[in-house]
Amino acid sequence: MTTEGTVQNWRSTPPAIAIATTAAIIAALAILLARPQLVVFAAPLFGVVAAGRKSPEVLIAVHASDGPDRHIVRCVESESVELSLDIEARAGEAQVAASVLECPGLSIERQDREGNRLTVRVSADQPGKFPIRVEAVATANGGLLRGSVVLHTGDLYVYPLTAGAPMSPATTSVRHRLGTHPTRRTGTGTEFGGIRAYADGDDLRSINWRATARRASLQVTERRAEAGHDVVILFDDALRGDGRDDAFHRAVRGAAEIVRAALRAGDRVGVVCLAPAPRWVPARGGRQQFHEILTCLLDPGYPNCRRGSGTVAPPGAVPHGASVVAFSTLIDTGFALALIELRRRGSAVAAVDLLAADAPFSDEADALVGRLWTLERASMYRDMATIGVEVIGWQDGIRLADALTGRLLAGRSPR
């Protein structure tokens, strides 16, 4: 990928300022001392400064030399990535110096310049999207003018590390889609389902010869059918804030853990982000879906997301009977109503509460305020559970798989 930009903000360099200052001092002395012959020495200096004041047209091009798709770089947190950028002036005569600008959360470990190539090594300790911006400084007109341009050469997507612990989300799906989860129905699978008498049309390979010898009649072994689940991550975009909030990073890590576990189990996974308007990635399977979902979470402007209007998840974004795992602080009433609507449609819904157990007030607040806050949250948990939405408190320092153990294994029927 090649990014181009015209140099702007031309200004005088320190040598040009020194020449103009020297010429002004000489001209001032010629006036004060009534020595007009001194102007002869100042005239060439004024000429040099005047000739160098015309702003040239300089076009700077930055080319990512590692492939056409280098404008999107993916890595995991705490991993170092090395980028190589070729910088050249395609129009105009100028000497170009370039450097990668810092941004919050992105650490620049090293920058090396060799000829026209800039090699930089960057890393990030938190998941997120970080722009890679290069500031090119051009010096023209014999070193008398200096201009700069900032070029957006790409984005660095930092994904969270996932433990990959197995999880079994609840499902109320009625679709008999092939998968890896054993069901109560009989069919083609690997787990034992029972033994029954042979019937016409049964596969001869399913005959259980040991049971046949004991019962003196043909017996066949039944297997439990294996079906696939649909899992949808419902993400509260109000967590994003300025991108440095701890709740947002925890939510992204938790979503990544669930997505990876579900994809490894052969399930289809999608994501829906709410507030202010819904955007979503449809439920699919495959390794590429992991990157699609996390990129949608990290980048609100990701072009591969589908977009809609309203305050609830569109029906097309959540398959019927899918398991929904929501990440939110549950402070916004609109997000809670979106959970209730999904439960009414027949999905098994579990909400992960990212708010700390302590009341979000200052230490100077009265103790009664904290107790009232705790009672209100407990009442909200109970009311949500009454309508079939399981609310799970996830505190910092606890793995999400441990918080979900035994909580997402069975769904309730809608009331």
Protein backbone atom coordinates (compact mmCIF):
# COMPACT_ATOMS: atom_id res chain seq x y z
CA MET A 1 0.00 0.00 0.00
CA THR A 2 1.24 3.48 -0.88
CA THR A 3 0.13 6.66 0.88
CA GLU A 4 0.83 10.05 -0.65
CA GLY A 5 0.58 13.59 0.64
CA THR A 6 1.72 17.09 -0.28
CA VAL A 7 4.04 18.89 2.11
CA GLN A 8 2.42 21.87 3.76
CA ASN A 9 3.14 24.31 6.59
CA TRP A 10 6.32 25.59 5.01
CA ARG A 11 8.41 27.74 7.36
CA SER A 12 11.88 29.19 7.50
CA THR A 13 14.69 27.03 8.79
CA PRO A 14 17.14 28.25 11.45
CA PRO A 15 19.84 29.01 8.80
CA ALA A 16 17.34 31.14 6.85
CA ILE A 17 16.39 32.98 10.01
CA ALA A 18 20.09 33.55 10.80
CA ILE A 19 20.76 34.94 7.31
CA ALA A 20 17.77 37.27 7.48
CA THR A 21 18.80 38.45 10.94
CA THR A 22 22.35 39.14 9.79
CA ALA A 23 21.12 41.11 6.77
CA ALA A 24 18.77 43.15 8.98
CA ILE A 25 21.57 43.97 11.43
CA ILE A 26 23.83 45.11 8.58
CA ALA A 27 21.09 47.27 7.11
CA ALA A 28 20.37 48.79 10.53
CA LEU A 29 24.05 49.61 11.01
CA ALA A 30 24.15 51.25 7.58
CA ILE A 31 21.30 53.54 8.60
CA LEU A 32 22.61 54.32 12.08
CA LEU A 33 26.17 54.97 10.98
CA ALA A 34 25.18 56.73 7.76
CA ARG A 35 27.35 54.28 5.82
CA PRO A 36 25.30 53.34 2.74
CA GLN A 37 28.15 51.23 1.41
CA LEU A 38 27.31 48.60 4.07
CA VAL A 39 24.10 47.86 2.16
CA VAL A 40 26.31 46.18 -0.44
CA PHE A 41 27.01 43.40 2.08
CA ALA A 42 23.34 43.08 3.13
CA ALA A 43 21.89 42.99 -0.42
CA PRO A 44 23.12 39.45 -1.32
CA LEU A 45 21.78 38.11 1.99
CA PHE A 46 18.36 39.68 1.33
CA GLY A 47 18.46 38.16 -2.15
CA VAL A 48 19.14 34.69 -0.79
CA VAL A 49 16.28 34.96 1.70
CA ALA A 50 13.88 36.35 -0.92
CA ALA A 51 14.75 33.61 -3.43
CA GLY A 52 14.15 30.91 -0.85
CA ARG A 53 10.71 32.16 0.24
CA LYS A 54 8.83 30.56 -2.66
CA SER A 55 7.09 27.41 -1.39
CA PRO A 56 7.79 24.42 -3.63
CA GLU A 57 5.36 21.60 -4.47
CA VAL A 58 6.77 18.48 -2.84
CA LEU A 59 4.85 15.17 -2.90
CA ILE A 60 5.85 12.59 -0.28
CA ALA A 61 5.02 8.90 -0.78
CA VAL A 62 5.22 6.23 1.92
CA HIS A 63 5.13 2.64 0.70
CA ALA A 64 4.67 -0.39 2.93
CA SER A 65 7.19 -2.78 1.46
CA ASP A 66 5.87 -5.97 3.08
CA GLY A 67 2.84 -6.54 0.87
CA PRO A 68 -0.33 -4.91 -0.45
CA ASP A 69 -2.31 -5.57 2.73
CA ARG A 70 0.25 -4.11 5.08
CA HIS A 71 -2.09 -1.22 5.91
CA ILE A 72 -3.72 -3.62 8.41
CA VAL A 73 -1.30 -5.23 10.84
CA ARG A 74 -2.48 -7.73 13.44
CA CYS A 75 -0.72 -8.98 16.54
CA VAL A 76 -1.45 -9.92 20.15
CA GLU A 77 -0.83 -7.76 23.17
CA SER A 78 2.80 -7.45 24.38
CA GLU A 79 4.02 -8.74 21.00
CA SER A 80 6.50 -6.63 19.05
CA VAL A 81 5.87 -5.96 15.36
CA GLU A 82 8.47 -4.66 12.93
CA LEU A 83 7.30 -2.43 10.08
CA SER A 84 9.34 -1.40 7.04
CA LEU A 85 8.37 1.79 5.21
CA ASP A 86 9.94 3.22 2.05
CA ILE A 87 9.81 7.04 1.97
CA GLU A 88 10.53 9.12 -1.13
CA ALA A 89 9.84 12.52 -2.65
CA ARG A 90 7.97 11.89 -5.91
CA ALA A 91 7.61 15.53 -6.96
CA GLY A 92 9.93 18.41 -6.20
CA GLU A 93 13.48 18.47 -4.93
CA ALA A 94 13.81 18.09 -1.19
CA GLN A 95 15.57 16.15 1.50
CA VAL A 96 13.12 14.07 3.49
CA ALA A 97 13.38 12.90 7.10
CA ALA A 98 10.61 10.77 8.61
CA SER A 99 9.59 9.28 11.94
CA VAL A 100 6.59 7.41 13.33
CA LEU A 101 4.45 9.47 15.69
CA GLU A 102 3.56 8.21 19.11
CA CYS A 103 -0.05 7.60 20.15
CA PRO A 104 -1.57 6.71 23.53
CA GLY A 105 -1.11 3.03 24.34
CA LEU A 106 1.43 2.36 21.56
CA SER A 107 5.08 1.93 22.46
CA ILE A 108 7.76 2.66 19.85
CA GLU A 109 10.69 0.49 20.79
CA ARG A 110 13.07 1.33 17.95
CA GLN A 111 13.31 3.46 14.78
CA ASP A 112 16.09 2.96 12.26
CA ARG A 113 16.61 4.92 9.02
CA GLU A 114 18.75 3.47 6.26
CA GLY A 115 18.55 5.34 2.99
CA ASN A 116 14.90 5.73 2.05
CA ARG A 117 13.74 2.89 4.28
CA LEU A 118 12.38 3.46 7.80
CA THR A 119 12.24 0.40 10.05
CA VAL A 120 10.24 0.71 13.25
CA ARG A 121 9.37 -1.80 15.96
CA VAL A 122 6.16 -1.18 17.93
CA SER A 123 4.15 -2.99 20.62
CA ALA A 124 1.11 -2.44 22.83
CA ASP A 125 0.19 -3.80 26.25
CA GLN A 126 -3.59 -3.43 25.79
CA PRO A 127 -5.92 -4.60 23.02
CA GLY A 128 -7.10 -1.89 20.68
CA LYS A 129 -6.70 -0.20 17.34
CA PHE A 130 -3.65 2.04 16.97
CA PRO A 131 -2.99 4.23 13.91
CA ILE A 132 0.48 4.15 12.36
CA ARG A 133 1.18 7.75 11.37
CA VAL A 134 4.40 8.91 9.77
CA GLU A 135 5.55 12.52 9.97
CA ALA A 136 7.68 13.43 6.98
CA VAL A 137 9.76 16.62 7.22
CA ALA A 138 11.06 18.00 3.90
CA THR A 139 13.86 20.56 3.57
CA ALA A 140 13.94 22.47 0.25
CA ASN A 141 15.35 25.59 -1.41
CA GLY A 142 18.88 24.89 -0.32
CA GLY A 143 17.90 24.30 3.29
CA LEU A 144 16.02 27.59 3.69
CA LEU A 145 12.48 26.17 3.93
CA ARG A 146 11.11 23.28 5.95
CA GLY A 147 7.66 21.73 5.65
CA SER A 148 5.95 18.68 7.08
CA VAL A 149 3.09 16.32 6.35
CA VAL A 150 1.53 13.57 8.47
CA LEU A 151 0.51 10.42 6.57
CA HIS A 152 -1.72 7.67 7.91
CA THR A 153 0.05 4.58 6.61
CA GLY A 154 -1.99 1.87 8.35
CA ASP A 155 -3.56 0.55 11.51
CA LEU A 156 -2.24 -1.84 14.11
CA TYR A 157 -4.89 -4.15 15.57
CA VAL A 158 -3.77 -5.61 18.88
CA TYR A 159 -5.76 -8.67 19.90
CA PRO A 160 -5.95 -10.01 23.46
CA LEU A 161 -4.34 -13.23 24.58
CA THR A 162 -6.90 -15.98 25.16
CA ALA A 163 -6.64 -18.97 27.46
CA GLY A 164 -8.73 -21.14 25.16
CA ALA A 165 -10.58 -22.85 28.02
CA PRO A 166 -13.55 -24.96 26.87
CA MET A 167 -16.99 -23.46 27.55
CA SER A 168 -20.46 -24.76 26.75
CA PRO A 169 -22.91 -21.91 26.26
CA ALA A 170 -26.59 -22.69 26.62
CA THR A 171 -28.68 -23.00 23.50
CA THR A 172 -32.35 -23.15 22.71
CA SER A 173 -31.76 -23.67 19.02
CA VAL A 174 -34.22 -25.88 17.18
CA ARG A 175 -32.12 -26.16 14.07
CA HIS A 176 -30.60 -29.60 13.46
CA ARG A 177 -27.33 -28.25 12.14
CA LEU A 178 -24.30 -30.52 12.17
CA GLY A 179 -21.77 -29.78 14.85
CA THR A 180 -19.80 -31.28 17.70
CA HIS A 181 -22.22 -31.01 20.64
CA PRO A 182 -24.04 -34.26 21.59
CA THR A 183 -27.82 -33.98 21.73
CA ARG A 184 -30.60 -36.16 23.15
CA ARG A 185 -31.64 -37.25 19.68
CA THR A 186 -30.28 -40.38 18.07
CA GLY A 187 -28.30 -40.12 14.91
CA THR A 188 -24.78 -40.26 13.60
CA GLY A 189 -22.31 -39.33 16.28
CA THR A 190 -19.56 -40.67 18.48
CA GLU A 191 -21.18 -40.91 21.93
CA PHE A 192 -23.14 -43.97 23.02
CA GLY A 193 -26.91 -43.51 22.94
CA GLY A 194 -28.34 -46.95 23.72
CA ILE A 195 -29.01 -50.46 22.40
CA ARG A 196 -32.19 -51.57 20.66
CA ALA A 197 -33.47 -54.38 18.48
CA TYR A 198 -32.49 -54.48 14.84
CA ALA A 199 -34.99 -52.98 12.40
CA ASP A 200 -35.14 -53.11 8.62
CA GLY A 201 -32.90 -50.48 7.10
CA ASP A 202 -30.37 -50.31 9.94
CA ASP A 203 -26.73 -50.14 8.97
CA LEU A 204 -25.05 -53.50 9.35
CA ARG A 205 -22.00 -51.80 10.82
CA SER A 206 -24.12 -50.66 13.79
CA ILE A 207 -24.88 -54.24 14.89
CA ASN A 208 -23.63 -54.92 18.42
CA TRP A 209 -22.48 -58.53 18.22
CA ARG A 210 -21.86 -58.89 21.94
CA ALA A 211 -25.41 -57.77 22.80
CA THR A 212 -26.72 -59.97 19.98
CA ALA A 213 -25.00 -63.02 21.47
CA ARG A 214 -26.40 -62.29 24.93
CA ARG A 215 -30.00 -61.64 23.81
CA ALA A 216 -30.12 -64.18 21.00
CA SER A 217 -31.47 -61.57 18.57
CA LEU A 218 -29.92 -58.87 16.45
CA GLN A 219 -29.17 -55.72 18.46
CA VAL A 220 -27.81 -52.41 17.17
CA THR A 221 -25.95 -49.60 18.92
CA GLU A 222 -27.49 -46.14 18.79
CA ARG A 223 -25.38 -42.98 18.79
CA ARG A 224 -26.29 -39.52 19.96
CA ALA A 225 -26.62 -36.98 17.19
CA GLU A 226 -24.19 -34.05 17.27
CA ALA A 227 -25.45 -30.55 16.50
CA GLY A 228 -23.91 -27.13 16.26
CA HIS A 229 -24.73 -24.07 18.32
CA ASP A 230 -25.04 -20.43 17.37
CA VAL A 231 -23.32 -18.03 19.76
CA VAL A 232 -23.69 -14.25 19.56
CA ILE A 233 -21.66 -11.73 21.55
CA LEU A 234 -23.69 -8.67 22.50
CA PHE A 235 -21.31 -5.81 23.22
CA ASP A 236 -22.16 -2.53 24.93
CA ASP A 237 -20.26 0.11 22.95
CA ALA A 238 -20.71 2.56 25.83
CA LEU A 239 -17.78 0.73 27.44
CA ARG A 240 -15.46 2.09 24.79
CA GLY A 241 -15.16 5.62 26.19
CA ASP A 242 -11.74 6.89 25.23
CA GLY A 243 -10.44 3.37 24.55
CA ARG A 244 -8.36 3.21 27.71
CA ASP A 245 -11.06 2.14 30.16
CA ASP A 246 -10.30 -1.08 32.04
CA ALA A 247 -13.87 -2.38 31.63
CA PHE A 248 -13.55 -2.12 27.84
CA HIS A 249 -10.31 -4.11 27.78
CA ARG A 250 -11.78 -6.77 30.06
CA ALA A 251 -14.86 -7.03 27.87
CA VAL A 252 -12.74 -7.49 24.74
CA ARG A 253 -10.66 -10.18 26.45
CA GLY A 254 -13.78 -11.97 27.66
CA ALA A 255 -15.39 -11.83 24.23
CA ALA A 256 -12.22 -13.16 22.60
CA GLU A 257 -12.13 -16.08 25.05
CA ILE A 258 -15.73 -17.05 24.29
CA VAL A 259 -15.31 -16.64 20.54
CA ARG A 260 -12.20 -18.82 20.39
CA ALA A 261 -13.75 -21.53 22.57
CA ALA A 262 -16.93 -21.59 20.48
CA LEU A 263 -15.05 -21.71 17.17
CA ARG A 264 -12.87 -24.54 18.41
CA ALA A 265 -16.05 -26.45 19.28
CA GLY A 266 -17.30 -26.05 15.73
CA ASP A 267 -19.98 -23.46 16.57
CA ARG A 268 -20.97 -20.42 14.55
CA VAL A 269 -20.19 -17.14 16.27
CA GLY A 270 -21.29 -13.57 15.58
CA VAL A 271 -21.17 -10.22 17.33
CA VAL A 272 -23.59 -7.32 17.76
CA CYS A 273 -22.43 -3.95 19.09
CA LEU A 274 -25.07 -1.59 20.45
CA ALA A 275 -25.02 2.17 21.19
CA PRO A 276 -25.61 4.42 19.50
CA ALA A 277 -26.64 2.32 16.47
CA PRO A 278 -26.24 -1.44 16.06
CA ARG A 279 -23.52 -2.90 13.92
CA TRP A 280 -22.85 -6.60 13.63
CA VAL A 281 -20.95 -9.44 12.03
CA PRO A 282 -23.22 -12.38 11.08
CA ALA A 283 -22.71 -15.72 12.82
CA ARG A 284 -20.25 -17.85 10.88
CA GLY A 285 -17.56 -20.41 11.55
CA GLY A 286 -13.92 -20.68 10.60
CA ARG A 287 -10.65 -19.22 11.75
CA GLN A 288 -11.14 -15.93 9.89
CA GLN A 289 -14.28 -15.24 11.92
CA PHE A 290 -12.17 -14.72 15.05
CA HIS A 291 -10.34 -11.82 13.41
CA GLU A 292 -13.55 -10.39 11.95
CA ILE A 293 -15.29 -10.29 15.34
CA LEU A 294 -12.37 -8.78 17.24
CA THR A 295 -11.76 -6.20 14.53
CA CYS A 296 -15.43 -5.20 14.73
CA LEU A 297 -15.09 -4.77 18.50
CA LEU A 298 -11.91 -2.72 18.27
CA ASP A 299 -12.81 -0.57 15.25
CA PRO A 300 -16.26 1.11 15.13
CA GLY A 301 -15.63 2.08 11.52
CA TYR A 302 -14.73 -1.40 10.28
CA PRO A 303 -16.21 -1.60 6.73
CA ASN A 304 -17.05 -5.32 6.89
CA CYS A 305 -19.65 -4.73 9.63
CA ARG A 306 -23.31 -4.57 8.75
CA ARG A 307 -25.15 -1.59 10.16
CA GLY A 308 -28.71 -0.81 11.16
CA SER A 309 -30.81 1.55 13.21
CA GLY A 310 -32.61 1.33 16.52
CA THR A 311 -31.59 0.42 20.06
CA VAL A 312 -31.99 -3.39 19.96
CA ALA A 313 -30.29 -6.10 17.97
CA PRO A 314 -31.93 -6.55 14.54
CA PRO A 315 -33.62 -9.95 14.05
CA GLY A 316 -31.26 -10.80 11.20
CA ALA A 317 -28.21 -10.27 13.40
CA VAL A 318 -29.13 -12.93 15.99
CA PRO A 319 -30.15 -16.38 14.66
CA HIS A 320 -33.29 -17.85 16.19
CA GLY A 321 -32.48 -19.79 19.34
CA ALA A 322 -28.86 -18.61 19.52
CA SER A 323 -26.99 -18.29 22.78
CA VAL A 324 -26.33 -14.64 23.60
CA VAL A 325 -23.51 -13.57 25.93
CA ALA A 326 -23.63 -9.85 26.68
CA PHE A 327 -20.85 -7.66 28.10
CA SER A 328 -21.95 -4.48 29.84
CA THR A 329 -21.96 -2.58 33.13
CA LEU A 330 -25.79 -2.76 32.98
CA ILE A 331 -26.10 0.90 33.92
CA ASP A 332 -27.85 1.87 30.68
CA THR A 333 -31.54 0.95 30.75
CA GLY A 334 -31.63 0.70 26.97
CA PHE A 335 -29.10 -2.13 26.95
CA ALA A 336 -31.11 -4.03 29.57
CA LEU A 337 -34.21 -3.67 27.40
CA ALA A 338 -32.24 -5.09 24.47
CA LEU A 339 -31.43 -8.17 26.58
CA ILE A 340 -35.09 -8.61 27.50
CA GLU A 341 -36.10 -8.36 23.84
CA LEU A 342 -33.61 -11.09 22.85
CA ARG A 343 -34.96 -13.33 25.60
CA ARG A 344 -38.49 -12.73 24.37
CA ARG A 345 -37.42 -13.89 20.91
CA GLY A 346 -36.36 -17.24 22.37
CA SER A 347 -32.59 -16.90 22.82
CA ALA A 348 -30.72 -18.05 25.91
CA VAL A 349 -29.27 -14.81 27.29
CA ALA A 350 -26.48 -14.38 29.84
CA ALA A 351 -25.14 -10.95 30.80
CA VAL A 352 -21.63 -10.49 32.16
CA ASP A 353 -21.60 -7.57 34.60
CA LEU A 354 -18.30 -5.72 34.31
CA LEU A 355 -19.01 -3.20 37.06
CA ALA A 356 -16.92 -3.55 40.20
CA ALA A 357 -18.64 -4.96 43.26
CA ASP A 358 -17.95 -1.78 45.21
CA ALA A 359 -20.19 1.21 44.69
CA PRO A 360 -18.78 3.55 42.00
CA PHE A 361 -18.64 6.49 44.38
CA SER A 362 -15.87 8.35 46.11
CA ASP A 363 -14.54 7.18 49.45
CA GLU A 364 -16.12 10.20 51.12
CA ALA A 365 -19.65 8.99 50.32
CA ASP A 366 -21.83 7.84 53.18
CA ALA A 367 -21.82 4.11 53.90
CA LEU A 368 -25.58 4.04 53.52
CA VAL A 369 -25.23 5.09 49.88
CA GLY A 370 -23.01 2.08 49.19
CA ARG A 371 -25.47 -0.29 50.87
CA LEU A 372 -28.39 1.12 48.91
CA TRP A 373 -26.38 0.71 45.71
CA THR A 374 -25.63 -2.94 46.56
CA LEU A 375 -29.30 -3.65 47.28
CA GLU A 376 -30.35 -2.02 44.02
CA ARG A 377 -27.90 -4.12 42.00
CA ALA A 378 -29.04 -7.31 43.78
CA SER A 379 -32.65 -6.43 43.00
CA MET A 380 -31.72 -5.89 39.35
CA TYR A 381 -30.00 -9.31 39.24
CA ARG A 382 -33.13 -10.93 40.65
CA ASP A 383 -35.51 -9.15 38.28
CA MET A 384 -33.42 -10.07 35.24
CA ALA A 385 -33.24 -13.71 36.36
CA THR A 386 -37.03 -13.78 36.73
CA ILE A 387 -37.48 -13.10 33.03
CA GLY A 388 -34.77 -15.55 32.04
CA VAL A 389 -31.69 -13.33 31.72
CA GLU A 390 -28.86 -14.70 33.83
CA VAL A 391 -26.59 -11.93 35.16
CA ILE A 392 -23.08 -13.02 36.10
CA GLY A 393 -20.74 -10.81 38.06
CA TRP A 394 -17.22 -10.90 36.68
CA GLN A 395 -14.68 -9.29 38.96
CA ASP A 396 -11.15 -8.38 38.01
CA GLY A 397 -8.61 -11.16 38.63
CA ILE A 398 -11.07 -14.01 37.89
CA ARG A 399 -10.96 -15.94 34.62
CA LEU A 400 -14.13 -15.68 32.61
CA ALA A 401 -14.31 -19.46 32.19
CA ASP A 402 -14.43 -19.82 35.99
CA ALA A 403 -17.13 -17.16 36.29
CA LEU A 404 -19.27 -18.90 33.67
CA THR A 405 -18.81 -22.42 35.03
CA GLY A 406 -22.19 -24.01 35.55
CA ARG A 407 -24.03 -20.82 34.62
CA LEU A 408 -24.39 -21.21 30.86
CA LEU A 409 -25.00 -24.91 30.65
CA ALA A 410 -28.78 -24.79 30.46
CA GLY A 411 -31.21 -22.20 29.25
CA ARG A 412 -34.59 -21.36 30.67
CA SER A 413 -37.77 -21.33 28.68
CA PRO A 414 -39.29 -17.92 28.06
CA ARG A 415 -42.05 -16.94 30.44
